[in-house]
Amino acid sequence: MSTIRSRNAAKVLPPAVLREVQRYAAGMSLWVPVVQTRAEKRRLKVLALRANGLKQREIAVLVGLSVGRVKAILKADRQAAARVVAAPASQPVQAGTCPGPDERRSGRHGATAPSRAAAPADTMRGGA
């Protein structure tokens, strides 16, 4: 997992570029995406073709790689996915602690007030 590093734009950008950024996004936090490399574009294309059901040999021909390289890309992606799935959740939600859509909060999480449907008809507005 990569960490987000903040930098002072005045120290990183040329003055002309800084003025343009200030015109459009003064005071905002911006994320500047990394330019995709040729290898990354190829990797994403291999994964997309595989997701569409193509065989490794077909992918290799379409992308211009060897079958072995296609296998290596797919294996690395499977291993990365397995690491994500195996990682523990930071704070799992316990069952029964979140109010449902028809429950009202009364200040404490999980505490509910009676719904209108549960109130007697004579206590509701417009009731008899």
C-alpha atoms as a PDB file:
ATOM      1  CA  MET A   1       0.000   0.000   0.000  1.00  0.00           C
ATOM      2  CA  SER A   2       1.407   3.373  -0.938  1.00  0.00           C
ATOM      3  CA  THR A   3       1.342   6.389   1.311  1.00  0.00           C
ATOM      4  CA  ILE A   4       0.043   9.756   0.236  1.00  0.00           C
ATOM      5  CA  ARG A   5       2.720  12.427   0.437  1.00  0.00           C
ATOM      6  CA  SER A   6       1.771  16.076   0.465  1.00  0.00           C
ATOM      7  CA  ARG A   7       4.045  18.713  -0.974  1.00  0.00           C
ATOM      8  CA  ASN A   8       3.875  22.500  -1.048  1.00  0.00           C
ATOM      9  CA  ALA A   9       2.935  23.332  -4.626  1.00  0.00           C
ATOM     10  CA  ALA A  10       4.997  26.546  -4.480  1.00  0.00           C
ATOM     11  CA  LYS A  11       8.107  24.430  -3.886  1.00  0.00           C
ATOM     12  CA  VAL A  12       7.321  21.836  -6.557  1.00  0.00           C
ATOM     13  CA  LEU A  13       5.688  23.645  -9.481  1.00  0.00           C
ATOM     14  CA  PRO A  14       7.133  26.313 -11.756  1.00  0.00           C
ATOM     15  CA  PRO A  15       5.622  29.761 -10.983  1.00  0.00           C
ATOM     16  CA  ALA A  16       3.541  29.877 -14.192  1.00  0.00           C
ATOM     17  CA  VAL A  17       2.024  26.451 -13.504  1.00  0.00           C
ATOM     18  CA  LEU A  18       1.386  27.384  -9.864  1.00  0.00           C
ATOM     19  CA  ARG A  19      -0.557  30.493 -10.933  1.00  0.00           C
ATOM     20  CA  GLU A  20      -2.717  28.377 -13.255  1.00  0.00           C
ATOM     21  CA  VAL A  21      -3.426  25.817 -10.519  1.00  0.00           C
ATOM     22  CA  GLN A  22      -4.326  28.647  -8.134  1.00  0.00           C
ATOM     23  CA  ARG A  23      -6.797  30.000 -10.716  1.00  0.00           C
ATOM     24  CA  TYR A  24      -8.690  26.713 -10.824  1.00  0.00           C
ATOM     25  CA  ALA A  25      -8.150  25.025  -7.457  1.00  0.00           C
ATOM     26  CA  ALA A  26      -6.965  27.518  -4.827  1.00  0.00           C
ATOM     27  CA  GLY A  27      -7.298  26.013  -1.362  1.00  0.00           C
ATOM     28  CA  MET A  28      -8.242  22.573  -2.632  1.00  0.00           C
ATOM     29  CA  SER A  29      -6.358  19.328  -2.128  1.00  0.00           C
ATOM     30  CA  LEU A  30      -5.416  17.840  -5.469  1.00  0.00           C
ATOM     31  CA  TRP A  31      -4.272  14.374  -6.400  1.00  0.00           C
ATOM     32  CA  VAL A  32      -1.951  14.223  -9.375  1.00  0.00           C
ATOM     33  CA  PRO A  33      -2.175  10.810 -11.085  1.00  0.00           C
ATOM     34  CA  VAL A  34       0.952   9.036 -12.182  1.00  0.00           C
ATOM     35  CA  VAL A  35       1.311   8.654 -15.929  1.00  0.00           C
ATOM     36  CA  GLN A  36       0.697   5.032 -16.899  1.00  0.00           C
ATOM     37  CA  THR A  37       3.715   3.307 -18.315  1.00  0.00           C
ATOM     38  CA  ARG A  38       3.549   1.230 -21.470  1.00  0.00           C
ATOM     39  CA  ALA A  39       3.955  -1.913 -19.351  1.00  0.00           C
ATOM     40  CA  GLU A  40       1.070  -0.902 -17.064  1.00  0.00           C
ATOM     41  CA  LYS A  41      -1.213  -0.250 -20.037  1.00  0.00           C
ATOM     42  CA  ARG A  42      -0.286  -3.656 -21.453  1.00  0.00           C
ATOM     43  CA  ARG A  43      -0.915  -5.349 -18.076  1.00  0.00           C
ATOM     44  CA  LEU A  44      -4.361  -3.757 -17.827  1.00  0.00           C
ATOM     45  CA  LYS A  45      -5.170  -4.844 -21.379  1.00  0.00           C
ATOM     46  CA  VAL A  46      -4.146  -8.436 -20.566  1.00  0.00           C
ATOM     47  CA  LEU A  47      -6.395  -8.427 -17.486  1.00  0.00           C
ATOM     48  CA  ALA A  48      -9.331  -6.946 -19.414  1.00  0.00           C
ATOM     49  CA  LEU A  49      -9.023  -9.498 -22.204  1.00  0.00           C
ATOM     50  CA  ARG A  50      -8.854 -12.337 -19.675  1.00  0.00           C
ATOM     51  CA  ALA A  51     -11.935 -10.957 -17.906  1.00  0.00           C
ATOM     52  CA  ASN A  52     -13.702 -11.086 -21.270  1.00  0.00           C
ATOM     53  CA  GLY A  53     -12.973 -14.816 -21.488  1.00  0.00           C
ATOM     54  CA  LEU A  54     -10.064 -14.920 -23.942  1.00  0.00           C
ATOM     55  CA  LYS A  55      -7.492 -17.690 -23.635  1.00  0.00           C
ATOM     56  CA  GLN A  56      -3.880 -16.942 -22.758  1.00  0.00           C
ATOM     57  CA  ARG A  57      -2.674 -17.760 -26.276  1.00  0.00           C
ATOM     58  CA  GLU A  58      -5.267 -15.407 -27.823  1.00  0.00           C
ATOM     59  CA  ILE A  59      -4.267 -12.643 -25.414  1.00  0.00           C
ATOM     60  CA  ALA A  60      -0.588 -13.122 -26.231  1.00  0.00           C
ATOM     61  CA  VAL A  61      -1.262 -12.690 -29.945  1.00  0.00           C
ATOM     62  CA  LEU A  62      -3.482  -9.623 -29.480  1.00  0.00           C
ATOM     63  CA  VAL A  63      -1.148  -7.832 -27.068  1.00  0.00           C
ATOM     64  CA  GLY A  64       2.125  -8.895 -28.683  1.00  0.00           C
ATOM     65  CA  LEU A  65       3.544 -10.781 -25.709  1.00  0.00           C
ATOM     66  CA  SER A  66       4.716 -14.327 -25.205  1.00  0.00           C
ATOM     67  CA  VAL A  67       2.301 -16.793 -23.617  1.00  0.00           C
ATOM     68  CA  GLY A  68       4.742 -17.071 -20.715  1.00  0.00           C
ATOM     69  CA  ARG A  69       4.601 -13.316 -20.077  1.00  0.00           C
ATOM     70  CA  VAL A  70       0.790 -13.372 -20.198  1.00  0.00           C
ATOM     71  CA  LYS A  71       0.821 -16.223 -17.642  1.00  0.00           C
ATOM     72  CA  ALA A  72       3.189 -14.229 -15.414  1.00  0.00           C
ATOM     73  CA  ILE A  73       0.941 -11.147 -15.529  1.00  0.00           C
ATOM     74  CA  LEU A  74      -2.154 -13.191 -14.674  1.00  0.00           C
ATOM     75  CA  LYS A  75      -0.350 -15.031 -11.864  1.00  0.00           C
ATOM     76  CA  ALA A  76       0.906 -11.782 -10.323  1.00  0.00           C
ATOM     77  CA  ASP A  77      -2.627 -10.355 -10.454  1.00  0.00           C
ATOM     78  CA  ARG A  78      -4.078 -13.458  -8.767  1.00  0.00           C
ATOM     79  CA  GLN A  79      -1.447 -13.244  -6.023  1.00  0.00           C
ATOM     80  CA  ALA A  80      -2.150  -9.550  -5.457  1.00  0.00           C
ATOM     81  CA  ALA A  81      -5.889 -10.261  -5.259  1.00  0.00           C
ATOM     82  CA  ALA A  82      -5.277 -13.085  -2.774  1.00  0.00           C
ATOM     83  CA  ARG A  83      -3.269 -10.715  -0.539  1.00  0.00           C
ATOM     84  CA  VAL A  84      -6.113  -8.191  -0.568  1.00  0.00           C
ATOM     85  CA  VAL A  85      -8.719 -10.838   0.260  1.00  0.00           C
ATOM     86  CA  ALA A  86      -6.566 -12.331   3.031  1.00  0.00           C
ATOM     87  CA  ALA A  87      -5.872  -8.946   4.671  1.00  0.00           C
ATOM     88  CA  PRO A  88      -7.834  -8.447   7.899  1.00  0.00           C
ATOM     89  CA  ALA A  89     -10.490  -5.757   7.920  1.00  0.00           C
ATOM     90  CA  SER A  90      -9.476  -2.722   9.961  1.00  0.00           C
ATOM     91  CA  GLN A  91     -12.719  -2.495  11.924  1.00  0.00           C
ATOM     92  CA  PRO A  92     -15.395  -5.036  11.078  1.00  0.00           C
ATOM     93  CA  VAL A  93     -18.993  -4.017  11.688  1.00  0.00           C
ATOM     94  CA  GLN A  94     -20.725  -6.172  14.275  1.00  0.00           C
ATOM     95  CA  ALA A  95     -24.151  -7.503  13.407  1.00  0.00           C
ATOM     96  CA  GLY A  96     -27.018  -5.624  15.007  1.00  0.00           C
ATOM     97  CA  THR A  97     -25.131  -2.406  15.746  1.00  0.00           C
ATOM     98  CA  CYS A  98     -26.347  -0.353  12.802  1.00  0.00           C
ATOM     99  CA  PRO A  99     -29.903   1.022  12.794  1.00  0.00           C
ATOM    100  CA  GLY A 100     -32.147  -0.139   9.983  1.00  0.00           C
ATOM    101  CA  PRO A 101     -33.797   2.203   7.471  1.00  0.00           C
ATOM    102  CA  ASP A 102     -37.017   2.515   9.515  1.00  0.00           C
ATOM    103  CA  GLU A 103     -35.309   3.087  12.857  1.00  0.00           C
ATOM    104  CA  ARG A 104     -34.601   6.538  14.256  1.00  0.00           C
ATOM    105  CA  ARG A 105     -31.498   7.377  16.238  1.00  0.00           C
ATOM    106  CA  SER A 106     -31.923   8.937  19.658  1.00  0.00           C
ATOM    107  CA  GLY A 107     -28.369  10.117  20.122  1.00  0.00           C
ATOM    108  CA  ARG A 108     -26.644   6.827  20.908  1.00  0.00           C
ATOM    109  CA  HIS A 109     -25.620   4.510  18.089  1.00  0.00           C
ATOM    110  CA  GLY A 110     -27.992   1.608  17.852  1.00  0.00           C
ATOM    111  CA  ALA A 111     -30.628   3.130  20.160  1.00  0.00           C
ATOM    112  CA  THR A 112     -33.936   3.660  18.467  1.00  0.00           C
ATOM    113  CA  ALA A 113     -37.122   5.563  19.083  1.00  0.00           C
ATOM    114  CA  PRO A 114     -40.451   3.928  18.296  1.00  0.00           C
ATOM    115  CA  SER A 115     -41.535   4.365  14.707  1.00  0.00           C
ATOM    116  CA  ARG A 116     -44.767   6.142  13.780  1.00  0.00           C
ATOM    117  CA  ALA A 117     -46.288   2.849  12.731  1.00  0.00           C
ATOM    118  CA  ALA A 118     -45.854   1.519  16.281  1.00  0.00           C
ATOM    119  CA  ALA A 119     -47.532   4.550  17.922  1.00  0.00           C
ATOM    120  CA  PRO A 120     -51.257   4.380  18.742  1.00  0.00           C
ATOM    121  CA  ALA A 121     -53.459   6.036  16.113  1.00  0.00           C
ATOM    122  CA  ASP A 122     -54.746   8.725  18.510  1.00  0.00           C
ATOM    123  CA  THR A 123     -51.228  10.048  19.256  1.00  0.00           C
ATOM    124  CA  MET A 124     -50.297  10.578  15.616  1.00  0.00           C
ATOM    125  CA  ARG A 125     -50.942  13.928  13.916  1.00  0.00           C
ATOM    126  CA  GLY A 126     -54.142  13.946  12.011  1.00  0.00           C
ATOM    127  CA  GLY A 127     -55.396  10.974  14.027  1.00  0.00           C
ATOM    128  CA  ALA A 128     -58.911  10.687  15.428  1.00  0.00           C
END
